[in-house]
């Protein structure tokens, strides 16, 4: 039995946000976990029809502090706008720093400041290029009763992971944020080295 199959919804509450009211749920394998995965879904979500879904990995620096090193926080905000309009769902996975955690993420930032890209920085610290596990999102989607989704992503790894499960992706919806001078190289690495489906500005 995989650990994902042990995930349970331990609590749920209605949360008013800048984008409207959402039901927030906490998923974990036990009640004492201080960092459960989170689900925010529109109260009028219709699981009988394809649901707009964003699977978002935690990025404390971008999501909370609006760091310009990445586009994560802006992607999250834009996703919430889409989800509010489409009555969809956000799955917020606690996989900080592509799965290496905030301590090592800051160490990776120091390596990037020395001239290494995000891939090289992770490898120098002894980690894989991307340590995230998106199969947990598949399990949460199934537990929430979804079968057909419209996935808001540029990441082929997310698509491949979800395609291994029972959830059917009927449409991929791109989500691209205009680059900033501080994250141009980060985005180029995503596109050219990790295969993310980004257009980027042709002048960069």
N, C-alpha and C. Protein backbone atom coordinates (compact mmCIF):
# COMPACT_ATOMS: atom_id res chain seq x y z
N UNK A 1 0.84 -1.20 0.00
CA UNK A 1 0.00 0.00 0.00
C UNK A 1 0.87 1.25 0.00
N UNK A 2 0.63 2.16 -0.95
CA UNK A 2 1.41 3.39 -1.00
C UNK A 2 0.97 4.33 0.11
N UNK A 3 1.89 5.21 0.51
CA UNK A 3 1.57 6.17 1.58
C UNK A 3 0.45 7.11 1.14
N UNK A 4 0.40 7.42 -0.17
CA UNK A 4 -0.66 8.30 -0.66
C UNK A 4 -2.04 7.76 -0.37
N UNK A 5 -2.19 6.43 -0.43
CA UNK A 5 -3.50 5.83 -0.21
C UNK A 5 -3.98 6.01 1.23
N UNK A 6 -3.04 6.37 2.13
CA UNK A 6 -3.39 6.59 3.53
C UNK A 6 -3.84 8.02 3.80
N UNK A 7 -3.76 8.87 2.79
CA UNK A 7 -4.19 10.27 2.95
C UNK A 7 -5.66 10.34 3.32
N UNK A 8 -5.94 11.23 4.26
CA UNK A 8 -7.33 11.45 4.67
C UNK A 8 -7.59 12.95 4.77
N UNK A 9 -8.84 13.31 4.55
CA UNK A 9 -9.26 14.69 4.79
C UNK A 9 -9.62 14.79 6.27
N UNK A 10 -8.84 15.57 7.02
CA UNK A 10 -9.07 15.65 8.46
C UNK A 10 -9.94 16.83 8.87
N UNK A 11 -9.99 17.86 8.03
CA UNK A 11 -10.82 19.01 8.40
C UNK A 11 -11.13 19.83 7.16
N UNK A 12 -12.19 20.62 7.26
CA UNK A 12 -12.61 21.46 6.14
C UNK A 12 -13.36 22.66 6.69
N UNK A 13 -13.12 23.83 6.10
CA UNK A 13 -13.82 25.05 6.54
C UNK A 13 -13.96 26.01 5.38
N UNK A 14 -14.95 26.87 5.47
CA UNK A 14 -15.20 27.88 4.45
C UNK A 14 -14.28 29.08 4.70
N UNK A 15 -13.54 29.48 3.66
CA UNK A 15 -12.57 30.56 3.79
C UNK A 15 -12.91 31.68 2.80
N UNK A 16 -13.22 32.89 3.30
CA UNK A 16 -13.41 34.03 2.38
C UNK A 16 -12.06 34.58 1.96
N UNK A 17 -11.85 34.80 0.66
CA UNK A 17 -10.57 35.26 0.14
C UNK A 17 -10.77 36.45 -0.79
N UNK A 18 -9.68 36.98 -1.30
CA UNK A 18 -9.75 38.07 -2.28
C UNK A 18 -10.43 37.62 -3.57
N UNK A 19 -10.46 36.31 -3.79
CA UNK A 19 -11.04 35.77 -5.02
C UNK A 19 -12.43 35.16 -4.79
N UNK A 20 -12.96 35.33 -3.59
CA UNK A 20 -14.26 34.75 -3.27
C UNK A 20 -14.15 33.74 -2.16
N UNK A 21 -15.23 33.02 -1.93
CA UNK A 21 -15.29 32.03 -0.85
C UNK A 21 -14.89 30.66 -1.38
N UNK A 22 -14.05 29.97 -0.59
CA UNK A 22 -13.59 28.64 -0.96
C UNK A 22 -13.66 27.71 0.25
N UNK A 23 -13.89 26.45 -0.03
CA UNK A 23 -13.78 25.43 1.00
C UNK A 23 -12.33 24.97 1.06
N UNK A 24 -11.70 25.11 2.22
CA UNK A 24 -10.32 24.65 2.39
C UNK A 24 -10.32 23.35 3.17
N UNK A 25 -9.62 22.36 2.62
CA UNK A 25 -9.51 21.05 3.27
C UNK A 25 -8.04 20.75 3.56
N UNK A 26 -7.79 20.00 4.61
CA UNK A 26 -6.44 19.59 4.98
C UNK A 26 -6.32 18.08 4.84
N UNK A 27 -5.37 17.65 4.02
CA UNK A 27 -5.13 16.23 3.77
C UNK A 27 -3.79 15.80 4.36
N UNK A 28 -3.82 14.69 5.07
CA UNK A 28 -2.60 14.17 5.67
C UNK A 28 -2.78 12.68 5.97
N UNK A 29 -1.70 12.03 6.36
CA UNK A 29 -1.83 10.62 6.79
C UNK A 29 -2.07 10.54 8.29
N UNK A 30 -1.95 11.69 8.99
CA UNK A 30 -2.27 11.71 10.43
C UNK A 30 -2.63 13.13 10.83
N UNK A 31 -3.26 13.27 11.98
CA UNK A 31 -3.76 14.57 12.44
C UNK A 31 -2.69 15.47 13.01
N UNK A 32 -1.52 14.90 13.35
CA UNK A 32 -0.49 15.71 14.01
C UNK A 32 0.45 16.37 13.02
N UNK A 33 0.30 16.09 11.74
CA UNK A 33 1.16 16.69 10.72
C UNK A 33 0.94 18.20 10.69
N UNK A 34 1.98 19.01 10.96
CA UNK A 34 1.78 20.47 10.98
C UNK A 34 1.72 21.08 9.59
N UNK A 35 2.05 20.31 8.54
CA UNK A 35 2.07 20.85 7.19
C UNK A 35 1.32 19.91 6.23
N UNK A 36 0.01 19.78 6.40
CA UNK A 36 -0.77 18.92 5.50
C UNK A 36 -0.89 19.55 4.12
N UNK A 37 -1.16 18.72 3.11
CA UNK A 37 -1.51 19.25 1.80
C UNK A 37 -2.87 19.92 1.91
N UNK A 38 -3.09 20.96 1.10
CA UNK A 38 -4.33 21.72 1.19
C UNK A 38 -5.09 21.68 -0.13
N UNK A 39 -6.40 21.74 -0.02
CA UNK A 39 -7.28 21.86 -1.18
C UNK A 39 -8.17 23.07 -0.97
N UNK A 40 -8.23 23.93 -1.97
CA UNK A 40 -9.21 25.02 -1.98
C UNK A 40 -10.12 24.78 -3.18
N UNK A 41 -11.40 24.60 -2.90
CA UNK A 41 -12.33 24.37 -4.00
C UNK A 41 -13.52 25.32 -3.90
N UNK A 42 -14.02 25.68 -5.06
CA UNK A 42 -15.18 26.57 -5.11
C UNK A 42 -16.38 25.85 -4.52
N UNK A 43 -17.18 26.53 -3.71
CA UNK A 43 -18.34 25.87 -3.09
C UNK A 43 -19.34 25.30 -4.11
N UNK A 44 -19.33 25.84 -5.33
CA UNK A 44 -20.27 25.38 -6.36
C UNK A 44 -19.59 24.48 -7.39
N UNK A 45 -18.51 23.86 -7.02
CA UNK A 45 -17.79 22.97 -7.93
C UNK A 45 -18.72 21.84 -8.39
N UNK A 46 -18.61 21.48 -9.66
CA UNK A 46 -19.44 20.42 -10.23
C UNK A 46 -18.53 19.30 -10.71
N UNK A 47 -18.40 18.26 -9.92
CA UNK A 47 -17.49 17.17 -10.25
C UNK A 47 -18.04 16.23 -11.33
N UNK A 48 -19.28 16.46 -11.74
CA UNK A 48 -19.85 15.66 -12.83
C UNK A 48 -19.37 16.14 -14.20
N UNK A 49 -18.78 17.33 -14.21
CA UNK A 49 -18.23 17.90 -15.44
C UNK A 49 -16.75 18.17 -15.25
N UNK A 50 -16.00 18.35 -16.35
CA UNK A 50 -14.57 18.64 -16.21
C UNK A 50 -14.33 19.87 -15.32
N UNK A 51 -13.40 19.72 -14.38
CA UNK A 51 -13.12 20.77 -13.40
C UNK A 51 -11.75 21.39 -13.68
N UNK A 52 -11.69 22.73 -13.63
CA UNK A 52 -10.41 23.42 -13.76
C UNK A 52 -9.61 23.20 -12.48
N UNK A 53 -8.38 22.69 -12.63
CA UNK A 53 -7.55 22.34 -11.48
C UNK A 53 -6.16 22.95 -11.64
N UNK A 54 -5.66 23.49 -10.56
CA UNK A 54 -4.26 23.90 -10.48
C UNK A 54 -3.59 23.09 -9.38
N UNK A 55 -2.52 22.38 -9.72
CA UNK A 55 -1.69 21.68 -8.74
C UNK A 55 -0.47 22.57 -8.51
N UNK A 56 -0.39 23.14 -7.32
CA UNK A 56 0.64 24.15 -7.03
C UNK A 56 1.51 23.69 -5.88
N UNK A 57 2.82 23.63 -6.12
CA UNK A 57 3.75 23.26 -5.05
C UNK A 57 4.11 24.50 -4.24
N UNK A 58 4.14 24.33 -2.95
CA UNK A 58 4.43 25.43 -2.04
C UNK A 58 5.72 26.15 -2.41
N UNK A 59 5.65 27.47 -2.40
CA UNK A 59 6.83 28.32 -2.60
C UNK A 59 6.70 29.48 -1.63
N UNK A 60 7.24 29.31 -0.45
CA UNK A 60 7.09 30.31 0.60
C UNK A 60 7.62 31.67 0.14
N UNK A 61 8.77 31.67 -0.51
CA UNK A 61 9.38 32.93 -0.92
C UNK A 61 8.54 33.65 -1.97
N UNK A 62 7.97 32.90 -2.90
CA UNK A 62 7.18 33.51 -3.96
C UNK A 62 5.73 33.73 -3.58
N UNK A 63 5.10 32.71 -2.99
CA UNK A 63 3.67 32.78 -2.67
C UNK A 63 3.39 33.81 -1.59
N UNK A 64 4.23 33.84 -0.57
CA UNK A 64 3.98 34.70 0.59
C UNK A 64 4.71 36.03 0.51
N UNK A 65 5.99 35.98 0.13
CA UNK A 65 6.81 37.19 0.16
C UNK A 65 7.02 37.82 -1.22
N UNK A 66 6.39 37.24 -2.24
CA UNK A 66 6.42 37.80 -3.60
C UNK A 66 7.83 37.97 -4.14
N UNK A 67 8.67 36.99 -3.89
CA UNK A 67 10.03 37.00 -4.42
C UNK A 67 10.02 37.10 -5.94
N UNK A 68 10.98 37.83 -6.47
CA UNK A 68 11.12 37.97 -7.92
C UNK A 68 12.04 36.91 -8.52
N UNK A 69 12.56 36.01 -7.68
CA UNK A 69 13.43 34.95 -8.20
C UNK A 69 12.64 33.93 -9.03
N UNK A 70 11.34 33.87 -8.83
CA UNK A 70 10.51 32.90 -9.54
C UNK A 70 9.19 33.58 -9.92
N UNK A 71 8.32 32.83 -10.55
CA UNK A 71 6.99 33.36 -10.92
C UNK A 71 5.88 32.66 -10.15
N UNK A 72 6.25 31.93 -9.08
CA UNK A 72 5.30 31.07 -8.38
C UNK A 72 4.13 31.83 -7.75
N UNK A 73 4.45 32.92 -7.05
CA UNK A 73 3.39 33.68 -6.40
C UNK A 73 2.40 34.26 -7.38
N UNK A 74 2.91 34.76 -8.50
CA UNK A 74 2.03 35.33 -9.52
C UNK A 74 1.20 34.24 -10.20
N UNK A 75 1.80 33.07 -10.38
CA UNK A 75 1.05 31.94 -10.92
C UNK A 75 -0.08 31.54 -9.98
N UNK A 76 0.21 31.55 -8.69
CA UNK A 76 -0.81 31.19 -7.71
C UNK A 76 -1.96 32.19 -7.73
N UNK A 77 -1.65 33.47 -7.75
CA UNK A 77 -2.69 34.50 -7.78
C UNK A 77 -3.56 34.39 -9.04
N UNK A 78 -2.90 34.20 -10.19
CA UNK A 78 -3.64 34.09 -11.43
C UNK A 78 -4.48 32.82 -11.45
N UNK A 79 -3.94 31.76 -10.89
CA UNK A 79 -4.70 30.50 -10.80
C UNK A 79 -5.97 30.69 -9.99
N UNK A 80 -5.87 31.42 -8.89
CA UNK A 80 -7.04 31.64 -8.05
C UNK A 80 -8.10 32.46 -8.79
N UNK A 81 -7.67 33.38 -9.63
CA UNK A 81 -8.62 34.14 -10.45
C UNK A 81 -9.37 33.20 -11.39
N UNK A 82 -8.62 32.35 -12.08
CA UNK A 82 -9.23 31.39 -13.00
C UNK A 82 -10.18 30.45 -12.27
N UNK A 83 -9.71 29.94 -11.14
CA UNK A 83 -10.49 28.95 -10.38
C UNK A 83 -11.78 29.58 -9.85
N UNK A 84 -11.70 30.84 -9.44
CA UNK A 84 -12.90 31.53 -8.97
C UNK A 84 -13.93 31.65 -10.08
N UNK A 85 -13.47 32.02 -11.29
CA UNK A 85 -14.39 32.18 -12.41
C UNK A 85 -14.96 30.86 -12.89
N UNK A 86 -14.12 29.82 -12.89
CA UNK A 86 -14.51 28.52 -13.44
C UNK A 86 -15.06 27.54 -12.39
N UNK A 87 -15.12 28.00 -11.14
CA UNK A 87 -15.61 27.14 -10.04
C UNK A 87 -14.78 25.86 -9.95
N UNK A 88 -13.47 26.07 -9.87
CA UNK A 88 -12.54 24.95 -9.89
C UNK A 88 -11.90 24.63 -8.55
N UNK A 89 -10.67 24.10 -8.63
CA UNK A 89 -10.00 23.59 -7.44
C UNK A 89 -8.50 23.84 -7.50
N UNK A 90 -7.94 24.21 -6.36
CA UNK A 90 -6.49 24.33 -6.19
C UNK A 90 -6.02 23.24 -5.24
N UNK A 91 -4.99 22.51 -5.63
CA UNK A 91 -4.33 21.57 -4.72
C UNK A 91 -2.97 22.18 -4.39
N UNK A 92 -2.75 22.46 -3.11
CA UNK A 92 -1.53 23.12 -2.66
C UNK A 92 -0.66 22.08 -1.96
N UNK A 93 0.37 21.62 -2.67
CA UNK A 93 1.23 20.57 -2.16
C UNK A 93 2.38 21.15 -1.37
N UNK A 94 2.66 20.56 -0.21
CA UNK A 94 3.73 21.06 0.66
C UNK A 94 5.07 20.46 0.20
N UNK A 95 5.53 20.96 -0.93
CA UNK A 95 6.77 20.46 -1.54
C UNK A 95 7.67 21.66 -1.86
N UNK A 96 8.03 22.36 -0.81
CA UNK A 96 8.81 23.59 -0.93
C UNK A 96 10.13 23.35 -1.67
N UNK A 97 10.46 24.30 -2.54
CA UNK A 97 11.76 24.25 -3.22
C UNK A 97 11.94 23.04 -4.10
N UNK A 98 10.90 22.71 -4.87
CA UNK A 98 10.91 21.49 -5.70
C UNK A 98 11.23 20.26 -4.87
N UNK A 99 10.76 20.30 -3.62
CA UNK A 99 10.87 19.13 -2.76
C UNK A 99 12.09 19.07 -1.86
N UNK A 100 12.96 20.11 -1.88
CA UNK A 100 14.16 20.05 -1.05
C UNK A 100 14.02 20.84 0.25
N UNK A 101 12.92 21.56 0.41
CA UNK A 101 12.68 22.30 1.65
C UNK A 101 13.29 23.69 1.61
N UNK A 102 12.81 24.53 2.50
CA UNK A 102 13.20 25.94 2.49
C UNK A 102 14.68 26.13 2.85
N UNK A 103 15.22 25.32 3.75
CA UNK A 103 16.63 25.49 4.15
C UNK A 103 17.54 25.27 2.95
N UNK A 104 17.33 24.16 2.26
CA UNK A 104 18.18 23.85 1.10
C UNK A 104 17.83 24.73 -0.10
N UNK A 105 16.60 25.21 -0.15
CA UNK A 105 16.24 26.13 -1.23
C UNK A 105 17.06 27.41 -1.13
N UNK A 106 17.22 27.93 0.09
CA UNK A 106 18.04 29.13 0.27
C UNK A 106 19.50 28.86 -0.06
N UNK A 107 19.97 27.66 0.26
CA UNK A 107 21.33 27.28 -0.12
C UNK A 107 21.46 27.23 -1.65
N UNK A 108 20.42 26.72 -2.29
CA UNK A 108 20.42 26.67 -3.75
C UNK A 108 20.43 28.07 -4.34
N UNK A 109 19.73 29.00 -3.72
CA UNK A 109 19.75 30.39 -4.18
C UNK A 109 21.18 30.95 -4.14
N UNK A 110 21.92 30.62 -3.09
CA UNK A 110 23.30 31.08 -2.99
C UNK A 110 24.14 30.53 -4.14
N UNK A 111 23.91 29.27 -4.48
CA UNK A 111 24.62 28.68 -5.62
C UNK A 111 24.25 29.38 -6.92
N UNK A 112 22.97 29.74 -7.05
CA UNK A 112 22.53 30.45 -8.25
C UNK A 112 23.20 31.83 -8.33
N UNK A 113 23.40 32.47 -7.18
CA UNK A 113 24.07 33.76 -7.17
C UNK A 113 25.54 33.64 -7.55
N UNK A 114 26.08 32.42 -7.46
CA UNK A 114 27.46 32.17 -7.88
C UNK A 114 27.54 31.90 -9.39
N UNK A 115 26.37 31.80 -10.04
CA UNK A 115 26.37 31.62 -11.49
C UNK A 115 25.80 30.32 -11.99
N UNK A 116 25.38 29.44 -11.07
CA UNK A 116 24.80 28.16 -11.48
C UNK A 116 23.30 28.32 -11.72
N UNK A 117 22.76 27.50 -12.63
CA UNK A 117 21.31 27.56 -12.83
C UNK A 117 20.60 26.70 -11.78
N UNK A 118 19.29 26.66 -11.82
CA UNK A 118 18.53 25.97 -10.78
C UNK A 118 18.82 24.46 -10.77
N UNK A 119 19.03 23.89 -11.94
CA UNK A 119 19.36 22.46 -12.03
C UNK A 119 20.72 22.19 -11.43
N UNK A 120 21.70 22.96 -11.85
CA UNK A 120 23.07 22.78 -11.36
C UNK A 120 23.14 22.98 -9.84
N UNK A 121 22.41 23.97 -9.34
CA UNK A 121 22.42 24.25 -7.90
C UNK A 121 21.91 23.06 -7.10
N UNK A 122 20.81 22.47 -7.56
CA UNK A 122 20.27 21.29 -6.87
C UNK A 122 21.26 20.13 -6.88
N UNK A 123 21.85 19.89 -8.04
CA UNK A 123 22.79 18.78 -8.17
C UNK A 123 24.03 18.99 -7.30
N UNK A 124 24.51 20.22 -7.22
CA UNK A 124 25.67 20.52 -6.38
C UNK A 124 25.38 20.27 -4.91
N UNK A 125 24.11 20.43 -4.52
CA UNK A 125 23.72 20.19 -3.13
C UNK A 125 23.37 18.73 -2.87
N UNK A 126 23.48 17.89 -3.90
CA UNK A 126 23.24 16.46 -3.73
C UNK A 126 21.81 16.03 -3.94
N UNK A 127 21.00 16.87 -4.58
CA UNK A 127 19.59 16.55 -4.83
C UNK A 127 19.35 16.27 -6.31
N UNK A 128 18.21 15.67 -6.59
CA UNK A 128 17.79 15.52 -7.97
C UNK A 128 17.39 16.89 -8.52
N UNK A 129 17.19 16.94 -9.82
CA UNK A 129 16.76 18.18 -10.46
C UNK A 129 15.42 18.64 -9.89
N UNK A 130 14.51 17.69 -9.69
CA UNK A 130 13.19 17.99 -9.13
C UNK A 130 12.79 16.84 -8.23
N UNK A 131 12.62 17.12 -6.94
CA UNK A 131 12.33 16.09 -5.94
C UNK A 131 10.84 15.97 -5.61
N UNK A 132 10.00 16.61 -6.40
CA UNK A 132 8.57 16.58 -6.09
C UNK A 132 7.90 15.28 -6.53
N UNK A 133 6.80 14.98 -5.86
CA UNK A 133 6.00 13.80 -6.18
C UNK A 133 4.57 14.26 -6.41
N UNK A 134 4.16 14.25 -7.68
CA UNK A 134 2.82 14.73 -8.01
C UNK A 134 1.76 13.64 -7.92
N UNK A 135 2.17 12.42 -7.61
CA UNK A 135 1.18 11.34 -7.49
C UNK A 135 0.22 11.60 -6.33
N UNK A 136 0.67 12.35 -5.34
CA UNK A 136 -0.20 12.67 -4.21
C UNK A 136 -1.39 13.50 -4.69
N UNK A 137 -1.17 14.34 -5.70
CA UNK A 137 -2.27 15.14 -6.24
C UNK A 137 -3.32 14.26 -6.90
N UNK A 138 -2.87 13.20 -7.55
CA UNK A 138 -3.80 12.26 -8.19
C UNK A 138 -4.70 11.63 -7.13
N UNK A 139 -4.11 11.24 -6.03
CA UNK A 139 -4.89 10.61 -4.96
C UNK A 139 -5.90 11.58 -4.37
N UNK A 140 -5.49 12.83 -4.20
CA UNK A 140 -6.41 13.84 -3.67
C UNK A 140 -7.55 14.09 -4.65
N UNK A 141 -7.23 14.19 -5.94
CA UNK A 141 -8.27 14.39 -6.95
C UNK A 141 -9.30 13.27 -6.90
N UNK A 142 -8.82 12.04 -6.78
CA UNK A 142 -9.74 10.90 -6.71
C UNK A 142 -10.60 10.96 -5.45
N UNK A 143 -9.98 11.32 -4.32
CA UNK A 143 -10.73 11.41 -3.06
C UNK A 143 -11.76 12.53 -3.10
N UNK A 144 -11.50 13.55 -3.92
CA UNK A 144 -12.46 14.66 -4.06
C UNK A 144 -13.53 14.35 -5.10
N UNK A 145 -13.46 13.18 -5.71
CA UNK A 145 -14.50 12.75 -6.63
C UNK A 145 -14.36 13.25 -8.05
N UNK A 146 -13.17 13.72 -8.43
CA UNK A 146 -12.95 14.21 -9.79
C UNK A 146 -12.51 13.06 -10.69
N UNK A 147 -12.91 13.13 -11.95
CA UNK A 147 -12.47 12.13 -12.93
C UNK A 147 -11.94 12.79 -14.20
N UNK A 148 -12.51 13.94 -14.58
CA UNK A 148 -12.07 14.68 -15.76
C UNK A 148 -11.70 16.10 -15.36
N UNK A 149 -10.49 16.54 -15.78
CA UNK A 149 -10.04 17.86 -15.36
C UNK A 149 -9.47 18.65 -16.53
N UNK A 150 -9.49 19.97 -16.36
CA UNK A 150 -8.75 20.88 -17.21
C UNK A 150 -7.58 21.37 -16.35
N UNK A 151 -6.37 21.02 -16.74
CA UNK A 151 -5.21 21.26 -15.88
C UNK A 151 -4.51 22.57 -16.25
N UNK A 152 -4.36 23.41 -15.25
CA UNK A 152 -3.71 24.71 -15.41
C UNK A 152 -2.22 24.53 -15.13
N UNK A 153 -1.40 24.38 -16.17
CA UNK A 153 0.01 24.08 -15.96
C UNK A 153 0.83 24.33 -17.22
N UNK A 154 2.15 24.50 -17.01
CA UNK A 154 3.12 24.51 -18.10
C UNK A 154 4.08 23.32 -17.96
N UNK A 155 3.89 22.53 -16.91
CA UNK A 155 4.87 21.52 -16.51
C UNK A 155 4.52 20.13 -17.05
N UNK A 156 5.33 19.60 -17.96
CA UNK A 156 5.04 18.26 -18.50
C UNK A 156 5.14 17.15 -17.46
N UNK A 157 5.93 17.37 -16.41
CA UNK A 157 6.05 16.36 -15.35
C UNK A 157 4.72 16.17 -14.63
N UNK A 158 4.00 17.24 -14.40
CA UNK A 158 2.68 17.13 -13.76
C UNK A 158 1.72 16.35 -14.65
N UNK A 159 1.75 16.68 -15.92
CA UNK A 159 0.85 15.99 -16.86
C UNK A 159 1.15 14.51 -16.90
N UNK A 160 2.43 14.15 -17.00
CA UNK A 160 2.82 12.74 -17.06
C UNK A 160 2.42 12.00 -15.80
N UNK A 161 2.60 12.63 -14.64
CA UNK A 161 2.26 11.99 -13.37
C UNK A 161 0.77 11.74 -13.25
N UNK A 162 -0.04 12.74 -13.61
CA UNK A 162 -1.49 12.59 -13.53
C UNK A 162 -1.98 11.56 -14.54
N UNK A 163 -1.35 11.51 -15.71
CA UNK A 163 -1.76 10.54 -16.73
C UNK A 163 -1.52 9.09 -16.32
N UNK A 164 -0.69 8.88 -15.30
CA UNK A 164 -0.44 7.53 -14.81
C UNK A 164 -1.60 7.01 -13.95
N UNK A 165 -2.44 7.93 -13.47
CA UNK A 165 -3.56 7.55 -12.61
C UNK A 165 -4.86 7.44 -13.39
N UNK A 166 -5.96 7.52 -12.65
CA UNK A 166 -7.29 7.34 -13.25
C UNK A 166 -7.90 8.66 -13.72
N UNK A 167 -7.27 9.78 -13.38
CA UNK A 167 -7.80 11.09 -13.75
C UNK A 167 -7.49 11.37 -15.21
N UNK A 168 -8.48 11.86 -15.95
CA UNK A 168 -8.28 12.17 -17.36
C UNK A 168 -8.14 13.68 -17.54
N UNK A 169 -7.03 14.09 -18.17
CA UNK A 169 -6.83 15.50 -18.51
C UNK A 169 -7.44 15.73 -19.88
N UNK A 170 -8.51 16.50 -19.93
CA UNK A 170 -9.14 16.73 -21.22
C UNK A 170 -8.61 18.00 -21.90
N UNK A 171 -7.93 18.84 -21.12
CA UNK A 171 -7.38 20.07 -21.68
C UNK A 171 -6.27 20.59 -20.79
N UNK A 172 -5.18 21.08 -21.42
CA UNK A 172 -4.15 21.79 -20.67
C UNK A 172 -4.32 23.28 -20.92
N UNK A 173 -4.37 24.04 -19.85
CA UNK A 173 -4.50 25.50 -19.97
C UNK A 173 -3.18 26.12 -19.52
N UNK A 174 -2.50 26.84 -20.41
CA UNK A 174 -1.21 27.44 -20.03
C UNK A 174 -1.39 28.57 -19.03
N UNK A 175 -0.35 28.79 -18.24
CA UNK A 175 -0.36 29.89 -17.28
C UNK A 175 1.04 30.50 -17.28
N UNK A 176 1.18 31.61 -17.98
CA UNK A 176 2.50 32.21 -18.16
C UNK A 176 2.50 33.65 -17.66
N UNK A 177 3.52 33.95 -16.86
CA UNK A 177 3.69 35.27 -16.26
C UNK A 177 4.82 36.00 -17.00
N UNK A 178 4.64 37.27 -17.34
CA UNK A 178 5.74 38.01 -17.98
C UNK A 178 7.00 37.96 -17.13
N UNK A 179 8.14 37.65 -17.74
CA UNK A 179 9.40 37.54 -16.98
C UNK A 179 9.82 38.86 -16.35
N UNK A 180 10.54 38.75 -15.23
CA UNK A 180 11.20 39.89 -14.61
C UNK A 180 12.71 39.69 -14.81
N UNK A 181 13.46 40.77 -14.66
CA UNK A 181 14.90 40.65 -14.89
C UNK A 181 15.54 39.66 -13.91
N UNK A 182 14.95 39.53 -12.72
CA UNK A 182 15.52 38.63 -11.71
C UNK A 182 15.20 37.16 -11.97
N UNK A 183 14.19 36.87 -12.80
CA UNK A 183 13.82 35.46 -12.99
C UNK A 183 13.89 34.99 -14.44
N UNK A 184 14.48 35.80 -15.31
CA UNK A 184 14.58 35.40 -16.72
C UNK A 184 15.36 34.10 -16.87
N UNK A 185 16.51 34.00 -16.21
CA UNK A 185 17.32 32.78 -16.34
C UNK A 185 16.62 31.57 -15.72
N UNK A 186 15.91 31.81 -14.63
CA UNK A 186 15.11 30.75 -14.00
C UNK A 186 14.09 30.20 -15.00
N UNK A 187 13.40 31.09 -15.70
CA UNK A 187 12.38 30.67 -16.66
C UNK A 187 13.01 30.02 -17.89
N UNK A 188 14.16 30.53 -18.31
CA UNK A 188 14.85 29.91 -19.45
C UNK A 188 15.26 28.48 -19.12
N UNK A 189 15.72 28.25 -17.89
CA UNK A 189 16.09 26.90 -17.48
C UNK A 189 14.86 25.98 -17.48
N UNK A 190 13.74 26.51 -17.01
CA UNK A 190 12.50 25.74 -17.04
C UNK A 190 12.15 25.33 -18.48
N UNK A 191 12.25 26.27 -19.38
CA UNK A 191 11.84 26.02 -20.77
C UNK A 191 12.82 25.11 -21.50
N UNK A 192 14.10 25.48 -21.48
CA UNK A 192 15.07 24.81 -22.34
C UNK A 192 15.70 23.57 -21.72
N UNK A 193 15.73 23.48 -20.40
CA UNK A 193 16.36 22.33 -19.76
C UNK A 193 15.36 21.37 -19.11
N UNK A 194 14.16 21.89 -18.75
CA UNK A 194 13.18 21.05 -18.07
C UNK A 194 11.94 20.81 -18.92
N UNK A 195 11.89 21.43 -20.09
CA UNK A 195 10.80 21.15 -21.02
C UNK A 195 9.48 21.81 -20.72
N UNK A 196 9.49 22.82 -19.86
CA UNK A 196 8.23 23.51 -19.56
C UNK A 196 7.70 24.22 -20.80
N UNK A 197 6.41 24.19 -20.96
CA UNK A 197 5.78 24.74 -22.16
C UNK A 197 5.56 26.25 -22.01
N UNK A 198 6.65 26.97 -22.17
CA UNK A 198 6.65 28.42 -22.03
C UNK A 198 7.01 29.07 -23.36
N UNK A 199 6.39 30.20 -23.63
CA UNK A 199 6.73 30.95 -24.84
C UNK A 199 7.87 31.92 -24.56
N UNK A 200 7.78 32.61 -23.44
CA UNK A 200 8.72 33.66 -23.05
C UNK A 200 8.70 34.77 -24.11
N UNK A 201 9.23 35.89 -23.72
CA UNK A 201 9.30 37.03 -24.65
C UNK A 201 10.45 36.80 -25.62
N UNK A 202 10.20 36.92 -26.91
CA UNK A 202 11.20 36.63 -27.93
C UNK A 202 12.43 37.55 -27.82
N UNK A 203 12.26 38.66 -27.12
CA UNK A 203 13.38 39.60 -27.00
C UNK A 203 14.34 39.21 -25.89
N UNK A 204 13.97 38.21 -25.06
CA UNK A 204 14.83 37.85 -23.92
C UNK A 204 15.93 36.91 -24.35
